[in-house]
Protein backbone atom coordinates (compact mmCIF):
# COMPACT_ATOMS: atom_id res chain seq x y z
CA MET A 1 -11.14 -41.70 -90.81
CA ARG A 2 -12.64 -44.05 -88.24
CA SER A 3 -10.43 -46.10 -85.94
CA THR A 4 -11.14 -48.77 -83.37
CA VAL A 5 -8.66 -49.40 -80.56
CA ILE A 6 -8.72 -52.64 -78.55
CA SER A 7 -6.21 -52.81 -75.70
CA GLN A 8 -4.74 -56.16 -74.72
CA ASP A 9 -2.90 -57.46 -71.69
CA THR A 10 0.41 -55.60 -71.62
CA SER A 11 2.19 -58.65 -70.27
CA ALA A 12 1.17 -60.79 -73.23
CA ALA A 13 3.62 -61.81 -75.93
CA PRO A 14 3.64 -59.68 -79.10
CA ARG A 15 1.10 -60.61 -81.75
CA MET A 16 1.99 -61.14 -85.39
CA THR A 17 -0.28 -58.71 -87.19
CA THR A 18 -1.04 -57.87 -90.79
CA ALA A 19 0.06 -54.23 -90.74
CA MET A 20 3.76 -54.91 -90.20
CA LEU A 21 5.94 -55.49 -93.20
CA THR A 22 8.72 -56.33 -90.79
CA GLY A 23 8.79 -56.30 -87.00
CA LEU A 24 10.43 -57.29 -83.74
CA SER A 25 9.47 -59.27 -80.68
CA ARG A 26 9.86 -57.95 -77.12
CA SER A 27 13.17 -59.77 -76.86
CA GLY A 28 14.44 -57.83 -79.87
CA GLU A 29 14.48 -60.80 -82.25
CA ARG A 30 13.38 -59.95 -85.75
CA SER A 31 10.05 -61.44 -86.73
CA ALA A 32 8.94 -62.69 -90.11
CA GLY A 33 7.86 -60.20 -92.79
CA TRP A 34 4.21 -59.37 -93.13
CA SER A 35 2.18 -57.12 -95.39
CA GLY A 36 -1.30 -55.61 -95.28
CA ALA A 37 -3.07 -52.85 -93.35
CA GLY A 38 -5.28 -54.21 -90.63
CA ALA A 39 -3.63 -54.11 -87.20
CA THR A 40 -0.38 -53.14 -85.56
CA VAL A 41 1.91 -53.88 -82.63
CA ILE A 42 3.20 -50.81 -80.80
CA GLY A 43 5.76 -50.87 -78.01
CA ASN A 44 5.34 -53.12 -75.01
CA ASN A 45 1.67 -52.15 -74.66
CA TYR A 46 0.65 -54.54 -77.39
CA THR A 47 -2.34 -52.66 -78.73
CA LEU A 48 -4.45 -53.90 -81.61
CA VAL A 49 -5.59 -51.07 -83.82
CA GLY A 50 -8.21 -51.81 -86.47
CA VAL A 51 -8.51 -48.95 -88.97
CA THR A 52 -11.11 -48.03 -91.57
CA MET A 53 -9.94 -45.19 -93.81
CA GLN A 54 -12.48 -42.78 -95.29
CA GLY A 55 -12.50 -39.27 -96.71
CA GLY A 56 -9.87 -37.36 -98.66
CA GLU A 57 -7.01 -37.43 -96.19
CA SER A 58 -3.53 -38.22 -97.45
CA LEU A 59 -1.61 -41.20 -96.10
CA ALA A 60 0.63 -38.84 -94.14
CA GLU A 61 -2.38 -37.22 -92.46
CA ARG A 62 -3.97 -40.58 -91.70
CA TYR A 63 -0.82 -42.08 -90.19
CA SER A 64 -0.09 -38.92 -88.21
CA ARG A 65 -3.54 -39.20 -86.65
CA LEU A 66 -2.96 -42.88 -85.88
CA ALA A 67 0.25 -42.02 -84.05
CA ARG A 68 -1.47 -39.32 -81.99
CA GLU A 69 -4.34 -41.66 -81.06
CA THR A 70 -2.09 -44.54 -80.03
CA PRO A 71 -2.26 -44.98 -76.20
CA ASP A 72 1.43 -45.64 -75.73
CA ARG A 73 2.66 -42.82 -73.48
CA ARG A 74 4.64 -44.77 -70.91
CA ARG A 75 6.59 -43.60 -67.87
CA VAL A 76 9.80 -44.48 -69.65
CA ASP A 77 9.12 -41.64 -72.09
CA LEU A 78 9.24 -39.16 -69.20
CA GLU A 79 12.50 -40.72 -68.01
CA LEU A 80 13.98 -40.50 -71.51
CA ARG A 81 12.87 -36.87 -71.82
CA GLY A 82 14.64 -36.03 -68.57
CA LEU A 83 17.77 -37.76 -69.86
CA ASP A 84 17.52 -35.82 -73.13
CA VAL A 85 17.34 -32.45 -71.37
CA LEU A 86 20.20 -33.28 -68.99
CA LEU A 87 22.62 -34.62 -71.61
CA ALA A 88 21.69 -32.12 -74.32
CA THR A 89 22.34 -29.22 -71.93
CA PHE A 90 25.72 -30.72 -71.07
CA PHE A 91 26.66 -31.22 -74.75
CA VAL A 92 25.57 -27.67 -75.68
CA VAL A 93 27.76 -26.15 -72.95
CA VAL A 94 30.75 -28.34 -73.82
CA SER A 95 30.48 -27.61 -77.55
CA LEU A 96 30.11 -23.80 -77.25
CA PRO A 97 33.87 -23.12 -77.66
CA LEU A 98 33.78 -24.97 -81.01
CA THR A 99 30.77 -23.16 -82.42
CA ILE A 100 32.45 -19.88 -83.45
CA PRO A 101 35.52 -21.50 -85.12
CA ILE A 102 33.26 -23.88 -87.05
CA ALA A 103 31.01 -21.01 -88.19
CA LEU A 104 34.04 -18.99 -89.36
CA ALA A 105 35.47 -21.97 -91.24
CA ILE A 106 32.21 -22.48 -93.10
CA VAL A 107 31.89 -18.81 -94.07
CA LEU A 108 35.52 -18.48 -95.19
CA THR A 109 35.55 -21.64 -97.34
CA SER A 110 32.06 -21.76 -98.87
CA GLY A 111 30.21 -18.62 -97.81
CA ARG A 112 26.80 -18.43 -96.20
CA PRO A 113 24.55 -19.81 -94.82
CA ILE A 114 26.27 -21.24 -91.78
CA PHE A 115 23.40 -23.54 -90.85
CA TYR A 116 21.32 -25.98 -92.80
CA ARG A 117 17.66 -25.84 -91.85
CA GLY A 118 15.22 -28.39 -93.17
CA GLU A 119 11.71 -29.54 -92.40
CA ARG A 120 11.36 -32.96 -90.80
CA VAL A 121 8.43 -35.04 -89.53
CA GLY A 122 8.37 -35.40 -85.75
CA ARG A 123 6.30 -37.23 -83.16
CA GLY A 124 2.62 -37.38 -83.98
CA GLY A 125 3.29 -36.12 -87.51
CA ARG A 126 4.21 -32.60 -86.39
CA VAL A 127 6.62 -30.94 -88.82
CA PHE A 128 9.56 -29.09 -87.26
CA THR A 129 12.73 -27.39 -88.48
CA MET A 130 15.90 -29.39 -87.93
CA THR A 131 19.17 -27.41 -87.72
CA LYS A 132 22.70 -28.59 -88.54
CA PHE A 133 25.96 -26.95 -89.54
CA ARG A 134 25.96 -26.75 -93.35
CA THR A 135 28.21 -29.39 -94.89
CA LEU A 136 27.05 -29.18 -98.54
CA ARG A 137 27.51 -26.59 -101.23
CA PRO A 138 24.90 -23.80 -101.27
CA GLY A 139 21.77 -24.87 -103.12
CA ALA A 140 22.46 -28.58 -102.70
CA GLU A 141 19.02 -29.16 -101.19
CA SER A 142 17.26 -28.34 -104.46
CA ARG A 143 19.60 -30.60 -106.41
CA LEU A 144 19.25 -33.54 -104.01
CA GLY A 145 15.62 -33.15 -103.02
CA HIS A 146 14.21 -35.97 -105.16
CA HIS A 147 16.75 -38.62 -104.08
CA LEU A 148 16.20 -41.10 -101.25
CA GLY A 149 18.12 -43.89 -99.49
CA LEU A 150 21.38 -45.15 -101.01
CA GLU A 151 20.94 -42.96 -104.08
CA LEU A 152 20.79 -39.90 -101.83
CA VAL A 153 24.00 -40.96 -100.05
CA GLU A 154 25.83 -41.35 -103.36
CA GLN A 155 24.64 -38.04 -104.81
CA THR A 156 25.37 -36.19 -101.57
CA GLU A 157 29.07 -37.12 -101.69
CA ALA A 158 29.57 -34.87 -104.72
CA GLU A 159 28.05 -31.91 -102.85
CA VAL A 160 30.11 -32.09 -99.64
CA THR A 161 32.48 -29.16 -98.98
CA ARG A 162 36.00 -29.56 -97.57
CA VAL A 163 35.00 -28.28 -94.15
CA GLY A 164 31.78 -30.27 -94.42
CA ARG A 165 33.68 -33.50 -94.96
CA TRP A 166 35.62 -32.89 -91.73
CA LEU A 167 32.46 -31.94 -89.84
CA ARG A 168 30.77 -35.14 -90.98
CA ALA A 169 33.78 -37.28 -90.10
CA THR A 170 33.83 -35.84 -86.58
CA GLN A 171 29.98 -35.61 -86.42
CA LEU A 172 30.29 -32.00 -85.28
CA ASP A 173 27.76 -30.97 -87.92
CA GLU A 174 25.12 -32.48 -85.63
CA VAL A 175 25.87 -30.14 -82.70
CA PRO A 176 23.03 -27.65 -83.46
CA GLN A 177 20.54 -30.51 -83.20
CA PHE A 178 21.05 -30.48 -79.44
CA TRP A 179 18.88 -27.34 -79.53
CA ASN A 180 16.19 -29.38 -81.29
CA VAL A 181 16.45 -31.88 -78.42
CA LEU A 182 16.11 -29.14 -75.79
CA LYS A 183 13.08 -27.72 -77.61
CA GLY A 184 11.41 -31.12 -77.56
CA ASP A 185 11.44 -31.64 -81.34
CA MET A 186 13.91 -34.52 -81.11
CA SER A 187 15.41 -37.03 -78.71
CA LEU A 188 19.01 -38.18 -78.40
CA VAL A 189 17.95 -41.69 -79.46
CA GLY A 190 15.17 -42.56 -81.88
CA PRO A 191 14.35 -43.02 -85.56
CA ARG A 192 16.18 -40.52 -87.73
CA PRO A 193 13.83 -37.70 -88.83
CA ILE A 194 12.66 -37.75 -92.44
CA ARG A 195 11.57 -35.06 -94.87
CA PRO A 196 7.78 -34.61 -95.18
CA ARG A 197 7.90 -35.20 -98.94
CA PHE A 198 9.24 -38.72 -98.40
CA PHE A 199 7.01 -39.70 -95.50
CA GLU A 200 3.87 -40.40 -97.51
CA GLU A 201 5.82 -42.35 -100.13
CA LEU A 202 7.40 -44.60 -97.50
CA ALA A 203 4.14 -44.95 -95.56
CA ALA A 204 2.50 -46.26 -98.73
CA GLU A 205 5.31 -48.76 -99.36
CA LEU A 206 5.78 -49.86 -95.72
CA PRO A 207 2.45 -50.29 -93.87
CA ALA A 208 4.13 -50.10 -90.44
CA TYR A 209 6.05 -46.91 -91.21
CA TRP A 210 3.61 -44.68 -89.34
CA GLN A 211 4.65 -46.32 -86.06
CA ARG A 212 7.84 -44.23 -86.13
CA LEU A 213 5.64 -41.25 -85.25
CA VAL A 214 4.86 -42.71 -81.82
CA VAL A 215 8.23 -41.44 -80.49
CA ARG A 216 10.39 -38.39 -81.09
CA PRO A 217 12.95 -38.71 -83.89
CA GLY A 218 16.53 -39.02 -82.65
CA LEU A 219 20.11 -38.08 -83.36
CA THR A 220 21.09 -41.74 -83.42
CA GLY A 221 19.44 -45.14 -83.19
CA PHE A 222 19.76 -48.86 -83.73
CA ALA A 223 19.94 -48.56 -87.53
CA GLN A 224 22.80 -46.03 -87.43
CA VAL A 225 24.80 -47.85 -84.76
CA ARG A 226 24.43 -51.29 -86.34
CA ARG A 227 24.47 -50.67 -90.08
CA GLY A 228 24.87 -47.03 -91.14
CA TYR A 229 23.55 -45.12 -94.16
CA GLU A 230 23.66 -48.05 -96.58
CA THR A 231 20.89 -49.94 -94.79
CA SER A 232 17.65 -50.33 -96.78
CA MET A 233 14.55 -48.46 -95.63
CA VAL A 234 12.86 -51.78 -94.77
CA GLU A 235 15.73 -52.81 -92.51
CA LYS A 236 15.94 -49.36 -90.93
CA LEU A 237 12.25 -49.60 -90.09
CA ALA A 238 12.83 -52.95 -88.35
CA HIS A 239 15.54 -51.36 -86.20
CA ASP A 240 13.30 -48.36 -85.46
CA LEU A 241 10.45 -50.63 -84.37
CA GLU A 242 12.83 -52.44 -82.05
CA TRP A 243 13.67 -49.16 -80.33
CA ILE A 244 9.99 -48.24 -80.05
CA ALA A 245 9.20 -51.62 -78.49
CA ASP A 246 12.15 -51.83 -76.10
CA ARG A 247 13.09 -48.21 -75.46
CA SER A 248 14.50 -47.54 -72.01
CA VAL A 249 17.16 -45.47 -70.26
CA ARG A 250 19.47 -48.49 -70.23
CA VAL A 251 19.16 -49.07 -73.97
CA SER A 252 19.55 -45.35 -74.59
CA PHE A 253 22.87 -45.25 -72.71
CA HIS A 254 24.00 -48.33 -74.63
CA LEU A 255 23.34 -46.63 -77.98
CA LEU A 256 24.82 -43.29 -76.92
CA GLY A 257 28.00 -45.14 -75.97
CA ARG A 258 28.25 -46.31 -79.59
CA TRP A 259 27.11 -42.99 -81.09
CA ARG A 260 26.82 -42.86 -84.84
CA VAL A 261 24.54 -40.69 -86.97
């Protein structure tokens, strides 16, 4: 793959480009829908990226490389990382007294394993293992693996255990993900992490999908706070791009105050 990067004035207004199927301006207003694969807008450093694809790489490999090559490492990312470490440490300490009772409840009602561990795509296309308290019946992953979006939500409901339903309602099933935040795999706020098997499919359907790889995936984000699970993948991407463009400590606190995963 060959790529050409042309940096523009960072104070300039965002450009409408052909790689975005849907996008946002710096003010957060949603822009018109576009399609194609020529150039992209990333964050507040409005960088034009012209790409010529060659060779036998998959879409996932190509877009992962694009994300790694994108010169968008701003000071705000260091500030957000410091906030992640501080708050995640606090939440881990506060939640420790709940961990053992939750683990016992899971084992006594539906057996082992206590945790769900699944591969997810992180920043720069790096695959990591995300950990949660198990809320579904054992073996549910193999039965649900081929579903995506609203269909996945509907099929998952039939697999939820009694304890799992309570954990989801209270969002306590997400507690182990604070360890993912401390390890640097995730952030408190960002696009929700997605399974590797779905990434290439969505990247093919949504030309701007690779831009999610510019930042760490998060426990919550604009899409979850504003709309929830029923939101289409196109609309979720628009919300994710808004976070990427306007991410800051102030916006992060705003979203954490309305936490929803």
